[in-house]
Amino acid sequence: MRIISGKYRSRRIKAPKSIKARPTTDFAKESLFNIISNKYELEKVQVLDLFSGTGNISYEFGSRGAKSILAVDIAYSSQKFISAMADEMELPIQTVKANVFRFLGKHTGKYDIIFADPPYSHKDVSTIPQLIYDRNLLKPKGILIVEHDKQIDFSEEERFLELRKYGKVNFSFFE
């Protein structure tokens, strides 16, 4: 994986094999950040990265100057790797090792952008938007982005905005 833009533009990051994750493709990530960059001044945003895996999305936000990033993943290997990379690059990323669904049930922080990239096969993917809205985790004018496969359809969700497709990667946006 590589960082697309910002301070660490073109930097390649090799995650350890112990991290069982599917990083967002560079093509999809570049398209996603083009959308985000047109809506937000990234230097001012607070980001929640759920199911952070290798930290791919967190590094991109950090490289582009995000104010703060909280990366949540259940795997200790992910937390350890993301923390080490954040320290090495001096990025404002904090990590939490937690089951994301339990974390969402207790967390009270407020974010400008929440990005969730659950395992495509996870049985509870469709519950993520409601969990976030039940806890009121988005700031006013904040956005939730859920990465998912083509079998998931969020279009009937109350706060659904749009679906963007990039190859096999689908991003659903919520206000």
C-alpha atoms as a PDB file:
ATOM      1  CA  MET A   1       0.000   0.000   0.000  1.00  0.00           C
ATOM      2  CA  ARG A   2       1.092   3.570  -0.480  1.00  0.00           C
ATOM      3  CA  ILE A   3       0.150   7.017   0.733  1.00  0.00           C
ATOM      4  CA  ILE A   4      -1.396   8.932  -2.158  1.00  0.00           C
ATOM      5  CA  SER A   5      -0.905  12.570  -1.131  1.00  0.00           C
ATOM      6  CA  GLY A   6       0.260  14.985   1.527  1.00  0.00           C
ATOM      7  CA  LYS A   7       3.431  15.065   3.571  1.00  0.00           C
ATOM      8  CA  TYR A   8       4.228  11.402   2.912  1.00  0.00           C
ATOM      9  CA  ARG A   9       3.053  11.299  -0.697  1.00  0.00           C
ATOM     10  CA  SER A  10       4.171   8.126  -2.554  1.00  0.00           C
ATOM     11  CA  ARG A  11       5.522   6.499   0.603  1.00  0.00           C
ATOM     12  CA  ARG A  12       5.077   2.742   0.474  1.00  0.00           C
ATOM     13  CA  ILE A  13       4.099   0.912   3.633  1.00  0.00           C
ATOM     14  CA  LYS A  14       4.467  -2.830   4.003  1.00  0.00           C
ATOM     15  CA  ALA A  15       2.211  -4.294   6.670  1.00  0.00           C
ATOM     16  CA  PRO A  16       3.270  -7.454   8.476  1.00  0.00           C
ATOM     17  CA  LYS A  17       1.693 -10.718   7.334  1.00  0.00           C
ATOM     18  CA  SER A  18       0.177 -11.104  10.814  1.00  0.00           C
ATOM     19  CA  ILE A  19      -2.398  -8.443   9.908  1.00  0.00           C
ATOM     20  CA  LYS A  20      -5.300 -10.144   8.200  1.00  0.00           C
ATOM     21  CA  ALA A  21      -6.818  -7.184   6.397  1.00  0.00           C
ATOM     22  CA  ARG A  22      -7.887  -6.087   2.952  1.00  0.00           C
ATOM     23  CA  PRO A  23      -6.463  -2.582   2.469  1.00  0.00           C
ATOM     24  CA  THR A  24      -8.550  -0.224   0.356  1.00  0.00           C
ATOM     25  CA  THR A  25      -7.087  -0.161  -3.153  1.00  0.00           C
ATOM     26  CA  ASP A  26      -5.032   2.856  -4.183  1.00  0.00           C
ATOM     27  CA  PHE A  27      -7.502   3.630  -6.986  1.00  0.00           C
ATOM     28  CA  ALA A  28     -10.501   3.596  -4.639  1.00  0.00           C
ATOM     29  CA  LYS A  29      -8.615   5.490  -1.915  1.00  0.00           C
ATOM     30  CA  GLU A  30      -7.508   8.221  -4.314  1.00  0.00           C
ATOM     31  CA  SER A  31     -11.073   8.655  -5.554  1.00  0.00           C
ATOM     32  CA  LEU A  32     -12.417   8.698  -1.996  1.00  0.00           C
ATOM     33  CA  PHE A  33      -9.959  11.360  -0.884  1.00  0.00           C
ATOM     34  CA  ASN A  34     -10.732  13.509  -3.928  1.00  0.00           C
ATOM     35  CA  ILE A  35     -14.353  13.575  -2.720  1.00  0.00           C
ATOM     36  CA  ILE A  36     -13.413  14.213   0.916  1.00  0.00           C
ATOM     37  CA  SER A  37     -10.876  16.934   0.055  1.00  0.00           C
ATOM     38  CA  ASN A  38     -13.530  18.851  -1.862  1.00  0.00           C
ATOM     39  CA  LYS A  39     -15.879  18.867   1.154  1.00  0.00           C
ATOM     40  CA  TYR A  40     -13.485  19.401   4.071  1.00  0.00           C
ATOM     41  CA  GLU A  41     -10.372  21.271   5.068  1.00  0.00           C
ATOM     42  CA  LEU A  42      -8.529  18.165   6.183  1.00  0.00           C
ATOM     43  CA  GLU A  43      -6.263  20.119   8.541  1.00  0.00           C
ATOM     44  CA  LYS A  44      -9.296  20.752  10.760  1.00  0.00           C
ATOM     45  CA  VAL A  45     -10.977  17.337  10.812  1.00  0.00           C
ATOM     46  CA  GLN A  46     -11.211  14.779  13.562  1.00  0.00           C
ATOM     47  CA  VAL A  47     -11.440  11.268  12.142  1.00  0.00           C
ATOM     48  CA  LEU A  48     -12.650   7.933  13.486  1.00  0.00           C
ATOM     49  CA  ASP A  49     -11.264   4.999  11.477  1.00  0.00           C
ATOM     50  CA  LEU A  50     -13.207   1.831  12.313  1.00  0.00           C
ATOM     51  CA  PHE A  51     -11.872  -1.626  11.426  1.00  0.00           C
ATOM     52  CA  SER A  52      -8.584   0.136  10.728  1.00  0.00           C
ATOM     53  CA  GLY A  53      -6.637  -3.020   9.775  1.00  0.00           C
ATOM     54  CA  THR A  54      -3.296  -1.921   8.337  1.00  0.00           C
ATOM     55  CA  GLY A  55      -3.976   1.765   9.040  1.00  0.00           C
ATOM     56  CA  ASN A  56      -4.106   2.587   5.328  1.00  0.00           C
ATOM     57  CA  ILE A  57      -6.898   5.172   5.646  1.00  0.00           C
ATOM     58  CA  SER A  58      -5.519   6.631   8.895  1.00  0.00           C
ATOM     59  CA  TYR A  59      -2.098   7.230   7.308  1.00  0.00           C
ATOM     60  CA  GLU A  60      -3.709   8.969   4.349  1.00  0.00           C
ATOM     61  CA  PHE A  61      -5.681  11.294   6.633  1.00  0.00           C
ATOM     62  CA  GLY A  62      -2.566  11.915   8.725  1.00  0.00           C
ATOM     63  CA  SER A  63      -0.367  12.616   5.710  1.00  0.00           C
ATOM     64  CA  ARG A  64      -2.933  15.156   4.508  1.00  0.00           C
ATOM     65  CA  GLY A  65      -2.855  16.968   7.841  1.00  0.00           C
ATOM     66  CA  ALA A  66      -5.910  15.739   9.758  1.00  0.00           C
ATOM     67  CA  LYS A  67      -6.115  17.252  13.234  1.00  0.00           C
ATOM     68  CA  SER A  68      -6.636  13.902  14.991  1.00  0.00           C
ATOM     69  CA  ILE A  69      -7.371  10.303  14.080  1.00  0.00           C
ATOM     70  CA  LEU A  70      -8.634   7.479  16.272  1.00  0.00           C
ATOM     71  CA  ALA A  71      -8.037   4.048  14.715  1.00  0.00           C
ATOM     72  CA  VAL A  72     -10.035   1.136  16.144  1.00  0.00           C
ATOM     73  CA  ASP A  73      -9.427  -2.523  15.373  1.00  0.00           C
ATOM     74  CA  ILE A  74      -9.914  -5.775  17.253  1.00  0.00           C
ATOM     75  CA  ALA A  75      -6.476  -7.164  16.371  1.00  0.00           C
ATOM     76  CA  TYR A  76      -3.521  -6.409  18.612  1.00  0.00           C
ATOM     77  CA  SER A  77      -1.208  -6.759  15.580  1.00  0.00           C
ATOM     78  CA  SER A  78      -3.091  -3.937  13.843  1.00  0.00           C
ATOM     79  CA  GLN A  79      -2.994  -1.678  16.883  1.00  0.00           C
ATOM     80  CA  LYS A  80       0.716  -2.296  17.393  1.00  0.00           C
ATOM     81  CA  PHE A  81       1.589  -1.709  13.720  1.00  0.00           C
ATOM     82  CA  ILE A  82      -0.509   1.446  13.360  1.00  0.00           C
ATOM     83  CA  SER A  83       0.950   2.893  16.570  1.00  0.00           C
ATOM     84  CA  ALA A  84       4.490   2.183  15.401  1.00  0.00           C
ATOM     85  CA  MET A  85       3.891   3.748  11.979  1.00  0.00           C
ATOM     86  CA  ALA A  86       2.167   6.780  13.517  1.00  0.00           C
ATOM     87  CA  ASP A  87       5.148   7.315  15.833  1.00  0.00           C
ATOM     88  CA  GLU A  88       7.629   6.872  12.990  1.00  0.00           C
ATOM     89  CA  MET A  89       5.826   9.388  10.768  1.00  0.00           C
ATOM     90  CA  GLU A  90       4.769  11.656  13.665  1.00  0.00           C
ATOM     91  CA  LEU A  91       1.099  11.414  12.690  1.00  0.00           C
ATOM     92  CA  PRO A  92      -1.730  12.336  15.098  1.00  0.00           C
ATOM     93  CA  ILE A  93      -3.103   8.785  15.255  1.00  0.00           C
ATOM     94  CA  GLN A  94      -4.259   7.166  18.485  1.00  0.00           C
ATOM     95  CA  THR A  95      -5.174   3.489  18.475  1.00  0.00           C
ATOM     96  CA  VAL A  96      -7.701   1.429  20.386  1.00  0.00           C
ATOM     97  CA  LYS A  97      -7.807  -2.356  20.421  1.00  0.00           C
ATOM     98  CA  ALA A  98     -11.501  -3.160  20.624  1.00  0.00           C
ATOM     99  CA  ASN A  99     -14.397  -4.961  19.054  1.00  0.00           C
ATOM    100  CA  VAL A 100     -15.808  -2.117  16.938  1.00  0.00           C
ATOM    101  CA  PHE A 101     -19.435  -2.963  17.705  1.00  0.00           C
ATOM    102  CA  ARG A 102     -18.822  -2.921  21.471  1.00  0.00           C
ATOM    103  CA  PHE A 103     -16.718   0.226  21.098  1.00  0.00           C
ATOM    104  CA  LEU A 104     -19.562   1.972  19.267  1.00  0.00           C
ATOM    105  CA  GLY A 105     -21.954   0.991  22.032  1.00  0.00           C
ATOM    106  CA  LYS A 106     -19.926   2.908  24.637  1.00  0.00           C
ATOM    107  CA  HIS A 107     -17.955   5.619  22.832  1.00  0.00           C
ATOM    108  CA  THR A 108     -19.019   9.263  23.133  1.00  0.00           C
ATOM    109  CA  GLY A 109     -16.488  11.146  20.967  1.00  0.00           C
ATOM    110  CA  LYS A 110     -17.569  13.441  18.128  1.00  0.00           C
ATOM    111  CA  TYR A 111     -16.031  13.314  14.664  1.00  0.00           C
ATOM    112  CA  ASP A 112     -16.121  15.199  11.383  1.00  0.00           C
ATOM    113  CA  ILE A 113     -15.469  12.030   9.391  1.00  0.00           C
ATOM    114  CA  ILE A 114     -16.097   8.427  10.364  1.00  0.00           C
ATOM    115  CA  PHE A 115     -14.750   5.784   8.023  1.00  0.00           C
ATOM    116  CA  ALA A 116     -15.735   2.138   8.506  1.00  0.00           C
ATOM    117  CA  ASP A 117     -14.189  -0.689   6.518  1.00  0.00           C
ATOM    118  CA  PRO A 118     -15.537  -3.871   8.116  1.00  0.00           C
ATOM    119  CA  PRO A 119     -14.774  -7.328   6.764  1.00  0.00           C
ATOM    120  CA  TYR A 120     -17.094  -7.649   3.796  1.00  0.00           C
ATOM    121  CA  SER A 121     -18.441 -10.924   5.141  1.00  0.00           C
ATOM    122  CA  HIS A 122     -19.272  -9.603   8.625  1.00  0.00           C
ATOM    123  CA  LYS A 123     -22.910 -10.318   9.440  1.00  0.00           C
ATOM    124  CA  ASP A 124     -23.499  -6.946  11.165  1.00  0.00           C
ATOM    125  CA  VAL A 125     -22.177  -4.570   8.477  1.00  0.00           C
ATOM    126  CA  SER A 126     -25.661  -3.186   7.847  1.00  0.00           C
ATOM    127  CA  THR A 127     -26.013  -2.076  11.496  1.00  0.00           C
ATOM    128  CA  ILE A 128     -23.027   0.290  11.457  1.00  0.00           C
ATOM    129  CA  PRO A 129     -24.822   3.497  10.397  1.00  0.00           C
ATOM    130  CA  GLN A 130     -27.547   3.107  13.023  1.00  0.00           C
ATOM    131  CA  LEU A 131     -24.995   2.375  15.780  1.00  0.00           C
ATOM    132  CA  ILE A 132     -23.155   5.574  14.913  1.00  0.00           C
ATOM    133  CA  TYR A 133     -26.327   7.668  14.803  1.00  0.00           C
ATOM    134  CA  ASP A 134     -27.690   6.137  18.013  1.00  0.00           C
ATOM    135  CA  ARG A 135     -24.519   7.295  19.804  1.00  0.00           C
ATOM    136  CA  ASN A 136     -24.539  10.709  18.045  1.00  0.00           C
ATOM    137  CA  LEU A 137     -20.865  10.347  17.054  1.00  0.00           C
ATOM    138  CA  LEU A 138     -20.923  12.676  14.046  1.00  0.00           C
ATOM    139  CA  LYS A 139     -20.469  16.405  14.442  1.00  0.00           C
ATOM    140  CA  PRO A 140     -22.899  18.701  12.618  1.00  0.00           C
ATOM    141  CA  LYS A 141     -22.068  18.515   8.888  1.00  0.00           C
ATOM    142  CA  GLY A 142     -20.056  15.349   9.567  1.00  0.00           C
ATOM    143  CA  ILE A 143     -19.988  12.408   7.209  1.00  0.00           C
ATOM    144  CA  LEU A 144     -19.976   8.643   7.625  1.00  0.00           C
ATOM    145  CA  ILE A 145     -18.407   6.512   4.910  1.00  0.00           C
ATOM    146  CA  VAL A 146     -18.835   2.740   4.912  1.00  0.00           C
ATOM    147  CA  GLU A 147     -16.764   0.581   2.580  1.00  0.00           C
ATOM    148  CA  HIS A 148     -18.573  -2.607   1.581  1.00  0.00           C
ATOM    149  CA  ASP A 149     -19.138  -5.127  -1.175  1.00  0.00           C
ATOM    150  CA  LYS A 150     -21.896  -5.003  -3.767  1.00  0.00           C
ATOM    151  CA  GLN A 151     -24.291  -7.223  -1.769  1.00  0.00           C
ATOM    152  CA  ILE A 152     -24.939  -4.484   0.791  1.00  0.00           C
ATOM    153  CA  ASP A 153     -27.509  -1.825  -0.068  1.00  0.00           C
ATOM    154  CA  PHE A 154     -27.778   1.150   2.271  1.00  0.00           C
ATOM    155  CA  SER A 155     -29.999   3.235  -0.027  1.00  0.00           C
ATOM    156  CA  GLU A 156     -33.046   2.880   2.241  1.00  0.00           C
ATOM    157  CA  GLU A 157     -31.193   4.206   5.302  1.00  0.00           C
ATOM    158  CA  GLU A 158     -32.577   7.522   6.535  1.00  0.00           C
ATOM    159  CA  ARG A 159     -29.323   9.510   6.251  1.00  0.00           C
ATOM    160  CA  PHE A 160     -27.941   7.805   3.135  1.00  0.00           C
ATOM    161  CA  LEU A 161     -26.516  10.273   0.612  1.00  0.00           C
ATOM    162  CA  GLU A 162     -24.911   8.324  -2.199  1.00  0.00           C
ATOM    163  CA  LEU A 163     -23.072   5.222  -3.346  1.00  0.00           C
ATOM    164  CA  ARG A 164     -19.768   5.373  -5.204  1.00  0.00           C
ATOM    165  CA  LYS A 165     -18.283   2.298  -6.894  1.00  0.00           C
ATOM    166  CA  TYR A 166     -14.620   1.783  -7.743  1.00  0.00           C
ATOM    167  CA  GLY A 167     -14.073  -1.690  -9.125  1.00  0.00           C
ATOM    168  CA  LYS A 168     -15.089  -4.123  -6.376  1.00  0.00           C
ATOM    169  CA  VAL A 169     -14.991  -1.383  -3.745  1.00  0.00           C
ATOM    170  CA  ASN A 170     -18.223   0.369  -2.792  1.00  0.00           C
ATOM    171  CA  PHE A 171     -18.431   3.455  -0.592  1.00  0.00           C
ATOM    172  CA  SER A 172     -21.762   4.463   0.914  1.00  0.00           C
ATOM    173  CA  PHE A 173     -21.917   8.028   2.224  1.00  0.00           C
ATOM    174  CA  PHE A 174     -24.199   9.195   5.027  1.00  0.00           C
ATOM    175  CA  GLU A 175     -24.816  12.688   6.402  1.00  0.00           C
END
